[in-house]
Amino acid sequence: MNWQICPFEQLTCEQLYRLLALRCQIFVVEQDCAYQDLDGLDMLPDVLHIMAWEQGALQAAGRILGPGIQTAEQVWIGRLVVVPEARGQGLARMLMQQAIEAATTHWPGYPLRLSGQVYIRDFYRSLGFVPVSDEYLEDGIPHQDMELMCSA
């Protein structure tokens, strides 16, 4: 697995196309959520994109929002996706570990949060995240804000 962590301006046109196609495949089609994925945040300077490539195919991706983008005091991990064919092989855990490492390296000292789908809350807990909000609906799917309390 080849990992790529970079800001928007370092993505090639093909990488960007594959990233957006994967997010659409999972968030819009698979999860049946009609929503605006292109939210204007991907291009901001303090945003990092994480991608896992294998033999030229995008296998997983995520996005890290630096402090001041979603909230002033926290760094947020989001837009986490793994292709259906690669699920159940530990790739989501590797993606999260890459995201945690990148976030804490680029923005040390900031709390690290995510808005996690409730059905995989235990997965996030296994990485050291704890719930910090009540459950809420986002695009019809139950979510809960979680914060990293310890390194996993």
N, C-alpha and C. Protein backbone atom coordinates (compact mmCIF):
# COMPACT_ATOMS: atom_id res chain seq x y z
N MET A 1 0.86 -1.17 0.00
CA MET A 1 0.00 0.00 0.00
C MET A 1 0.90 1.23 0.00
N ASN A 2 0.66 2.13 -0.91
CA ASN A 2 1.39 3.40 -0.96
C ASN A 2 0.50 4.50 -0.41
N TRP A 3 0.99 5.18 0.62
CA TRP A 3 0.23 6.24 1.27
C TRP A 3 0.66 7.59 0.73
N GLN A 4 -0.31 8.44 0.49
CA GLN A 4 -0.07 9.81 0.03
C GLN A 4 -0.82 10.75 0.96
N ILE A 5 -0.10 11.71 1.51
CA ILE A 5 -0.71 12.73 2.37
C ILE A 5 -0.25 14.07 1.84
N CYS A 6 -1.21 14.88 1.38
CA CYS A 6 -0.82 16.13 0.75
C CYS A 6 -1.96 17.14 0.76
N PRO A 7 -1.62 18.42 0.55
CA PRO A 7 -2.66 19.42 0.37
C PRO A 7 -3.24 19.34 -1.04
N PHE A 8 -4.33 20.01 -1.25
CA PHE A 8 -5.06 19.99 -2.52
C PHE A 8 -4.18 20.31 -3.72
N GLU A 9 -3.36 21.35 -3.59
CA GLU A 9 -2.58 21.80 -4.75
C GLU A 9 -1.55 20.79 -5.22
N GLN A 10 -1.26 19.76 -4.41
CA GLN A 10 -0.31 18.73 -4.83
C GLN A 10 -0.99 17.53 -5.48
N LEU A 11 -2.31 17.53 -5.52
CA LEU A 11 -3.03 16.44 -6.19
C LEU A 11 -2.98 16.65 -7.69
N THR A 12 -2.78 15.58 -8.43
CA THR A 12 -2.89 15.67 -9.89
C THR A 12 -4.38 15.67 -10.25
N CYS A 13 -4.68 16.02 -11.46
CA CYS A 13 -6.08 15.98 -11.91
C CYS A 13 -6.65 14.57 -11.79
N GLU A 14 -5.85 13.56 -12.16
CA GLU A 14 -6.33 12.18 -12.08
C GLU A 14 -6.56 11.76 -10.64
N GLN A 15 -5.66 12.12 -9.73
CA GLN A 15 -5.84 11.77 -8.32
C GLN A 15 -7.10 12.42 -7.76
N LEU A 16 -7.30 13.69 -8.08
CA LEU A 16 -8.49 14.39 -7.62
C LEU A 16 -9.76 13.73 -8.16
N TYR A 17 -9.75 13.38 -9.43
CA TYR A 17 -10.91 12.73 -10.04
C TYR A 17 -11.22 11.41 -9.31
N ARG A 18 -10.19 10.60 -9.09
CA ARG A 18 -10.40 9.31 -8.41
C ARG A 18 -10.88 9.49 -6.97
N LEU A 19 -10.34 10.50 -6.29
CA LEU A 19 -10.76 10.79 -4.92
C LEU A 19 -12.23 11.18 -4.87
N LEU A 20 -12.64 12.11 -5.72
CA LEU A 20 -14.03 12.56 -5.72
C LEU A 20 -14.98 11.47 -6.19
N ALA A 21 -14.54 10.65 -7.15
CA ALA A 21 -15.38 9.55 -7.61
C ALA A 21 -15.61 8.54 -6.49
N LEU A 22 -14.56 8.24 -5.70
CA LEU A 22 -14.71 7.30 -4.60
C LEU A 22 -15.64 7.85 -3.53
N ARG A 23 -15.48 9.10 -3.19
CA ARG A 23 -16.37 9.69 -2.18
C ARG A 23 -17.81 9.67 -2.65
N CYS A 24 -18.05 9.96 -3.92
CA CYS A 24 -19.41 9.92 -4.48
C CYS A 24 -19.95 8.49 -4.45
N GLN A 25 -19.12 7.52 -4.84
CA GLN A 25 -19.52 6.11 -4.84
C GLN A 25 -20.00 5.67 -3.46
N ILE A 26 -19.27 6.07 -2.42
CA ILE A 26 -19.59 5.61 -1.07
C ILE A 26 -20.66 6.47 -0.41
N PHE A 27 -20.43 7.78 -0.36
CA PHE A 27 -21.33 8.64 0.41
C PHE A 27 -22.67 8.89 -0.28
N VAL A 28 -22.66 9.08 -1.58
CA VAL A 28 -23.90 9.41 -2.28
C VAL A 28 -24.63 8.15 -2.73
N VAL A 29 -23.92 7.22 -3.40
CA VAL A 29 -24.58 6.05 -3.97
C VAL A 29 -24.79 4.95 -2.92
N GLU A 30 -23.70 4.45 -2.33
CA GLU A 30 -23.81 3.33 -1.38
C GLU A 30 -24.65 3.70 -0.16
N GLN A 31 -24.39 4.87 0.42
CA GLN A 31 -25.10 5.28 1.63
C GLN A 31 -26.41 6.00 1.32
N ASP A 32 -26.70 6.16 0.03
CA ASP A 32 -27.96 6.74 -0.42
C ASP A 32 -28.24 8.11 0.22
N CYS A 33 -27.22 8.98 0.19
CA CYS A 33 -27.34 10.32 0.76
C CYS A 33 -27.13 11.36 -0.34
N ALA A 34 -28.18 12.03 -0.68
CA ALA A 34 -28.04 13.13 -1.63
C ALA A 34 -27.55 14.35 -0.85
N TYR A 35 -26.27 14.67 -1.02
CA TYR A 35 -25.71 15.82 -0.31
C TYR A 35 -24.58 16.40 -1.15
N GLN A 36 -24.17 17.60 -0.80
CA GLN A 36 -23.13 18.31 -1.53
C GLN A 36 -21.76 17.95 -0.96
N ASP A 37 -21.09 16.97 -1.55
CA ASP A 37 -19.77 16.56 -1.09
C ASP A 37 -18.75 17.67 -1.31
N LEU A 38 -18.84 18.34 -2.43
CA LEU A 38 -17.90 19.42 -2.73
C LEU A 38 -18.32 20.64 -1.93
N ASP A 39 -17.78 20.72 -0.72
CA ASP A 39 -18.20 21.73 0.25
C ASP A 39 -17.30 22.95 0.31
N GLY A 40 -16.29 23.02 -0.57
CA GLY A 40 -15.39 24.16 -0.58
C GLY A 40 -14.22 24.03 0.37
N LEU A 41 -14.19 22.98 1.19
CA LEU A 41 -13.12 22.84 2.17
C LEU A 41 -11.89 22.13 1.62
N ASP A 42 -12.07 21.27 0.64
CA ASP A 42 -10.95 20.47 0.11
C ASP A 42 -9.76 21.33 -0.34
N MET A 43 -10.02 22.51 -0.85
CA MET A 43 -8.98 23.36 -1.42
C MET A 43 -8.30 24.30 -0.43
N LEU A 44 -8.79 24.38 0.79
CA LEU A 44 -8.24 25.32 1.76
C LEU A 44 -6.80 24.96 2.14
N PRO A 45 -6.00 25.95 2.49
CA PRO A 45 -4.58 25.69 2.79
C PRO A 45 -4.31 24.73 3.93
N ASP A 46 -5.10 24.76 4.98
CA ASP A 46 -4.86 23.89 6.14
C ASP A 46 -5.69 22.61 6.09
N VAL A 47 -5.77 22.01 4.90
CA VAL A 47 -6.46 20.74 4.71
C VAL A 47 -5.48 19.75 4.11
N LEU A 48 -5.46 18.54 4.66
CA LEU A 48 -4.63 17.47 4.11
C LEU A 48 -5.53 16.34 3.62
N HIS A 49 -5.14 15.76 2.50
CA HIS A 49 -5.85 14.61 1.93
C HIS A 49 -4.97 13.38 2.11
N ILE A 50 -5.57 12.30 2.56
CA ILE A 50 -4.86 11.05 2.78
C ILE A 50 -5.43 10.03 1.81
N MET A 51 -4.55 9.38 1.07
CA MET A 51 -5.00 8.38 0.11
C MET A 51 -4.10 7.15 0.16
N ALA A 52 -4.72 5.99 0.05
CA ALA A 52 -4.00 4.73 -0.01
C ALA A 52 -4.14 4.19 -1.43
N TRP A 53 -3.03 3.98 -2.09
CA TRP A 53 -3.00 3.51 -3.47
C TRP A 53 -2.39 2.12 -3.53
N GLU A 54 -2.96 1.28 -4.38
CA GLU A 54 -2.39 -0.04 -4.63
C GLU A 54 -2.48 -0.31 -6.13
N GLN A 55 -1.33 -0.47 -6.75
CA GLN A 55 -1.24 -0.71 -8.19
C GLN A 55 -2.04 0.32 -8.98
N GLY A 56 -1.91 1.58 -8.58
CA GLY A 56 -2.57 2.68 -9.27
C GLY A 56 -4.04 2.88 -8.97
N ALA A 57 -4.61 2.03 -8.12
CA ALA A 57 -6.02 2.14 -7.77
C ALA A 57 -6.17 2.72 -6.37
N LEU A 58 -7.06 3.67 -6.23
CA LEU A 58 -7.34 4.27 -4.93
C LEU A 58 -8.14 3.29 -4.09
N GLN A 59 -7.61 2.95 -2.92
CA GLN A 59 -8.25 1.97 -2.03
C GLN A 59 -8.96 2.60 -0.84
N ALA A 60 -8.46 3.74 -0.38
CA ALA A 60 -9.03 4.40 0.79
C ALA A 60 -8.62 5.86 0.78
N ALA A 61 -9.41 6.68 1.46
CA ALA A 61 -9.09 8.10 1.51
C ALA A 61 -9.73 8.75 2.73
N GLY A 62 -9.21 9.91 3.05
CA GLY A 62 -9.76 10.70 4.14
C GLY A 62 -9.27 12.13 4.02
N ARG A 63 -9.77 12.96 4.89
CA ARG A 63 -9.43 14.39 4.85
C ARG A 63 -9.24 14.88 6.27
N ILE A 64 -8.25 15.74 6.46
CA ILE A 64 -8.00 16.35 7.77
C ILE A 64 -8.16 17.86 7.62
N LEU A 65 -9.01 18.42 8.47
CA LEU A 65 -9.24 19.86 8.50
C LEU A 65 -8.45 20.45 9.66
N GLY A 66 -7.53 21.32 9.34
CA GLY A 66 -6.72 21.96 10.37
C GLY A 66 -7.54 22.90 11.24
N PRO A 67 -6.94 23.39 12.33
CA PRO A 67 -7.66 24.29 13.23
C PRO A 67 -8.13 25.54 12.50
N GLY A 68 -9.33 25.99 12.88
CA GLY A 68 -9.89 27.19 12.28
C GLY A 68 -10.78 26.92 11.09
N ILE A 69 -10.86 25.69 10.63
CA ILE A 69 -11.71 25.39 9.48
C ILE A 69 -13.10 24.97 9.93
N GLN A 70 -13.19 23.90 10.70
CA GLN A 70 -14.49 23.47 11.21
C GLN A 70 -14.77 24.14 12.54
N THR A 71 -13.76 24.14 13.41
CA THR A 71 -13.83 24.85 14.68
C THR A 71 -12.44 25.43 14.95
N ALA A 72 -12.38 26.47 15.74
CA ALA A 72 -11.10 27.15 15.97
C ALA A 72 -10.14 26.33 16.81
N GLU A 73 -10.66 25.52 17.70
CA GLU A 73 -9.83 24.86 18.70
C GLU A 73 -9.48 23.41 18.39
N GLN A 74 -10.03 22.83 17.31
CA GLN A 74 -9.80 21.42 17.04
C GLN A 74 -9.37 21.16 15.61
N VAL A 75 -8.74 20.00 15.43
CA VAL A 75 -8.44 19.43 14.12
C VAL A 75 -9.46 18.32 13.91
N TRP A 76 -10.00 18.21 12.69
CA TRP A 76 -11.06 17.23 12.41
C TRP A 76 -10.64 16.27 11.31
N ILE A 77 -10.90 15.00 11.53
CA ILE A 77 -10.73 13.97 10.51
C ILE A 77 -12.10 13.66 9.93
N GLY A 78 -12.18 13.56 8.62
CA GLY A 78 -13.47 13.25 8.00
C GLY A 78 -13.33 12.70 6.60
N ARG A 79 -14.48 12.52 5.95
CA ARG A 79 -14.56 12.00 4.59
C ARG A 79 -13.77 10.68 4.45
N LEU A 80 -13.89 9.83 5.45
CA LEU A 80 -13.16 8.55 5.46
C LEU A 80 -13.90 7.53 4.61
N VAL A 81 -13.20 6.93 3.66
CA VAL A 81 -13.80 5.93 2.78
C VAL A 81 -12.81 4.80 2.49
N VAL A 82 -13.34 3.61 2.34
CA VAL A 82 -12.57 2.44 1.91
C VAL A 82 -13.39 1.77 0.81
N VAL A 83 -12.76 1.41 -0.28
CA VAL A 83 -13.49 0.75 -1.37
C VAL A 83 -14.10 -0.55 -0.84
N PRO A 84 -15.29 -0.90 -1.29
CA PRO A 84 -15.95 -2.11 -0.79
C PRO A 84 -15.09 -3.37 -0.90
N GLU A 85 -14.33 -3.51 -1.97
CA GLU A 85 -13.52 -4.71 -2.19
C GLU A 85 -12.37 -4.85 -1.18
N ALA A 86 -12.00 -3.77 -0.52
CA ALA A 86 -10.87 -3.80 0.41
C ALA A 86 -11.30 -3.81 1.87
N ARG A 87 -12.59 -3.86 2.12
CA ARG A 87 -13.08 -3.84 3.50
C ARG A 87 -12.81 -5.16 4.20
N GLY A 88 -12.69 -5.09 5.52
CA GLY A 88 -12.47 -6.29 6.31
C GLY A 88 -11.03 -6.77 6.31
N GLN A 89 -10.12 -5.94 5.82
CA GLN A 89 -8.70 -6.32 5.74
C GLN A 89 -7.81 -5.42 6.58
N GLY A 90 -8.42 -4.58 7.43
CA GLY A 90 -7.65 -3.70 8.29
C GLY A 90 -7.28 -2.37 7.68
N LEU A 91 -7.76 -2.10 6.47
CA LEU A 91 -7.39 -0.85 5.80
C LEU A 91 -7.97 0.38 6.49
N ALA A 92 -9.17 0.28 7.02
CA ALA A 92 -9.76 1.42 7.73
C ALA A 92 -8.92 1.79 8.95
N ARG A 93 -8.42 0.79 9.67
CA ARG A 93 -7.56 1.04 10.83
C ARG A 93 -6.27 1.72 10.39
N MET A 94 -5.66 1.21 9.30
CA MET A 94 -4.43 1.83 8.79
C MET A 94 -4.70 3.27 8.36
N LEU A 95 -5.84 3.51 7.71
CA LEU A 95 -6.20 4.86 7.29
C LEU A 95 -6.31 5.79 8.49
N MET A 96 -6.99 5.32 9.54
CA MET A 96 -7.12 6.14 10.74
C MET A 96 -5.77 6.38 11.41
N GLN A 97 -4.92 5.38 11.45
CA GLN A 97 -3.60 5.56 12.05
C GLN A 97 -2.78 6.57 11.26
N GLN A 98 -2.87 6.53 9.94
CA GLN A 98 -2.18 7.52 9.10
C GLN A 98 -2.75 8.92 9.37
N ALA A 99 -4.06 9.01 9.48
CA ALA A 99 -4.71 10.31 9.73
C ALA A 99 -4.32 10.88 11.08
N ILE A 100 -4.33 10.04 12.11
CA ILE A 100 -3.96 10.49 13.45
C ILE A 100 -2.52 10.98 13.46
N GLU A 101 -1.63 10.21 12.85
CA GLU A 101 -0.21 10.60 12.81
C GLU A 101 -0.01 11.91 12.05
N ALA A 102 -0.66 12.04 10.90
CA ALA A 102 -0.52 13.27 10.11
C ALA A 102 -1.08 14.47 10.87
N ALA A 103 -2.25 14.30 11.49
CA ALA A 103 -2.88 15.41 12.21
C ALA A 103 -2.04 15.86 13.40
N THR A 104 -1.54 14.90 14.17
CA THR A 104 -0.77 15.27 15.36
C THR A 104 0.62 15.80 14.99
N THR A 105 1.13 15.41 13.84
CA THR A 105 2.41 15.94 13.37
C THR A 105 2.26 17.36 12.84
N HIS A 106 1.22 17.60 12.03
CA HIS A 106 1.03 18.92 11.43
C HIS A 106 0.48 19.95 12.42
N TRP A 107 -0.35 19.50 13.35
CA TRP A 107 -0.97 20.43 14.30
C TRP A 107 -0.84 19.88 15.72
N PRO A 108 0.38 19.81 16.24
CA PRO A 108 0.56 19.25 17.59
C PRO A 108 -0.14 20.11 18.64
N GLY A 109 -0.67 19.44 19.64
CA GLY A 109 -1.29 20.14 20.75
C GLY A 109 -2.77 20.45 20.56
N TYR A 110 -3.29 20.25 19.35
CA TYR A 110 -4.71 20.50 19.13
C TYR A 110 -5.50 19.22 19.35
N PRO A 111 -6.67 19.32 19.99
CA PRO A 111 -7.53 18.15 20.11
C PRO A 111 -7.92 17.64 18.73
N LEU A 112 -8.04 16.34 18.60
CA LEU A 112 -8.38 15.71 17.33
C LEU A 112 -9.78 15.12 17.43
N ARG A 113 -10.65 15.55 16.53
CA ARG A 113 -12.05 15.12 16.57
C ARG A 113 -12.48 14.53 15.24
N LEU A 114 -13.62 13.83 15.31
CA LEU A 114 -14.28 13.34 14.11
C LEU A 114 -15.77 13.25 14.39
N SER A 115 -16.53 13.27 13.32
CA SER A 115 -17.97 13.05 13.39
C SER A 115 -18.20 11.65 12.87
N GLY A 116 -18.35 10.71 13.78
CA GLY A 116 -18.41 9.31 13.40
C GLY A 116 -19.81 8.77 13.28
N GLN A 117 -20.01 7.90 12.30
CA GLN A 117 -21.29 7.22 12.21
C GLN A 117 -21.41 6.29 13.41
N VAL A 118 -22.56 6.33 14.05
CA VAL A 118 -22.76 5.62 15.31
C VAL A 118 -22.53 4.12 15.17
N TYR A 119 -22.87 3.55 14.01
CA TYR A 119 -22.75 2.09 13.87
C TYR A 119 -21.29 1.62 13.90
N ILE A 120 -20.32 2.52 13.73
CA ILE A 120 -18.91 2.12 13.85
C ILE A 120 -18.21 2.84 15.01
N ARG A 121 -19.01 3.27 15.96
CA ARG A 121 -18.47 3.96 17.14
C ARG A 121 -17.43 3.10 17.87
N ASP A 122 -17.68 1.81 18.00
CA ASP A 122 -16.73 0.94 18.70
C ASP A 122 -15.38 0.88 17.98
N PHE A 123 -15.40 0.96 16.66
CA PHE A 123 -14.15 1.01 15.90
C PHE A 123 -13.35 2.25 16.30
N TYR A 124 -14.00 3.41 16.34
CA TYR A 124 -13.30 4.63 16.74
C TYR A 124 -12.84 4.56 18.19
N ARG A 125 -13.64 3.96 19.04
CA ARG A 125 -13.24 3.78 20.45
C ARG A 125 -11.96 2.95 20.54
N SER A 126 -11.84 1.94 19.68
CA SER A 126 -10.66 1.08 19.71
C SER A 126 -9.39 1.83 19.33
N LEU A 127 -9.55 3.00 18.71
CA LEU A 127 -8.41 3.84 18.34
C LEU A 127 -8.14 4.94 19.36
N GLY A 128 -8.95 4.99 20.43
CA GLY A 128 -8.74 5.97 21.48
C GLY A 128 -9.69 7.15 21.46
N PHE A 129 -10.70 7.13 20.59
CA PHE A 129 -11.68 8.21 20.54
C PHE A 129 -12.81 7.93 21.53
N VAL A 130 -13.31 9.01 22.15
CA VAL A 130 -14.44 8.90 23.06
C VAL A 130 -15.52 9.88 22.62
N PRO A 131 -16.79 9.54 22.83
CA PRO A 131 -17.88 10.44 22.47
C PRO A 131 -17.82 11.74 23.27
N VAL A 132 -18.06 12.86 22.59
CA VAL A 132 -18.08 14.16 23.26
C VAL A 132 -19.35 14.95 22.93
N SER A 133 -20.31 14.28 22.29
CA SER A 133 -21.58 14.93 21.99
C SER A 133 -22.69 13.90 22.07
N ASP A 134 -23.91 14.38 22.06
CA ASP A 134 -25.05 13.49 21.92
C ASP A 134 -25.09 13.01 20.47
N GLU A 135 -25.83 11.97 20.21
CA GLU A 135 -26.02 11.52 18.83
C GLU A 135 -26.89 12.53 18.09
N TYR A 136 -26.65 12.65 16.79
CA TYR A 136 -27.43 13.55 15.94
C TYR A 136 -27.51 12.95 14.55
N LEU A 137 -28.48 13.41 13.79
CA LEU A 137 -28.61 12.95 12.41
C LEU A 137 -27.86 13.87 11.47
N GLU A 138 -27.07 13.27 10.61
CA GLU A 138 -26.40 14.01 9.54
C GLU A 138 -26.72 13.27 8.25
N ASP A 139 -27.42 13.92 7.35
CA ASP A 139 -27.86 13.30 6.10
C ASP A 139 -28.63 12.01 6.36
N GLY A 140 -29.42 11.99 7.44
CA GLY A 140 -30.27 10.84 7.75
C GLY A 140 -29.55 9.69 8.43
N ILE A 141 -28.26 9.85 8.75
CA ILE A 141 -27.47 8.80 9.38
C ILE A 141 -27.06 9.26 10.78
N PRO A 142 -27.31 8.43 11.82
CA PRO A 142 -26.90 8.81 13.18
C PRO A 142 -25.37 8.96 13.29
N HIS A 143 -24.94 10.09 13.83
CA HIS A 143 -23.53 10.41 14.04
C HIS A 143 -23.31 10.83 15.48
N GLN A 144 -22.05 10.88 15.87
CA GLN A 144 -21.68 11.39 17.18
C GLN A 144 -20.27 11.95 17.08
N ASP A 145 -20.06 13.14 17.64
CA ASP A 145 -18.71 13.71 17.67
C ASP A 145 -17.88 12.94 18.68
N MET A 146 -16.64 12.67 18.29
CA MET A 146 -15.72 11.92 19.15
C MET A 146 -14.37 12.62 19.15
N GLU A 147 -13.64 12.50 20.24
CA GLU A 147 -12.33 13.15 20.38
C GLU A 147 -11.31 12.11 20.82
N LEU A 148 -10.10 12.24 20.27
CA LEU A 148 -9.02 11.34 20.63
C LEU A 148 -8.53 11.68 22.03
N MET A 149 -8.56 10.70 22.92
CA MET A 149 -8.16 10.92 24.30
C MET A 149 -6.81 10.32 24.61
N CYS A 150 -6.39 9.36 23.85
CA CYS A 150 -5.09 8.74 24.08
C CYS A 150 -4.60 8.18 22.75
N SER A 151 -3.31 7.99 22.63
CA SER A 151 -2.84 7.40 21.39
C SER A 151 -3.09 5.90 21.43
N ALA A 152 -3.47 5.38 20.26
CA ALA A 152 -3.82 3.96 20.17
C ALA A 152 -2.65 3.15 19.66
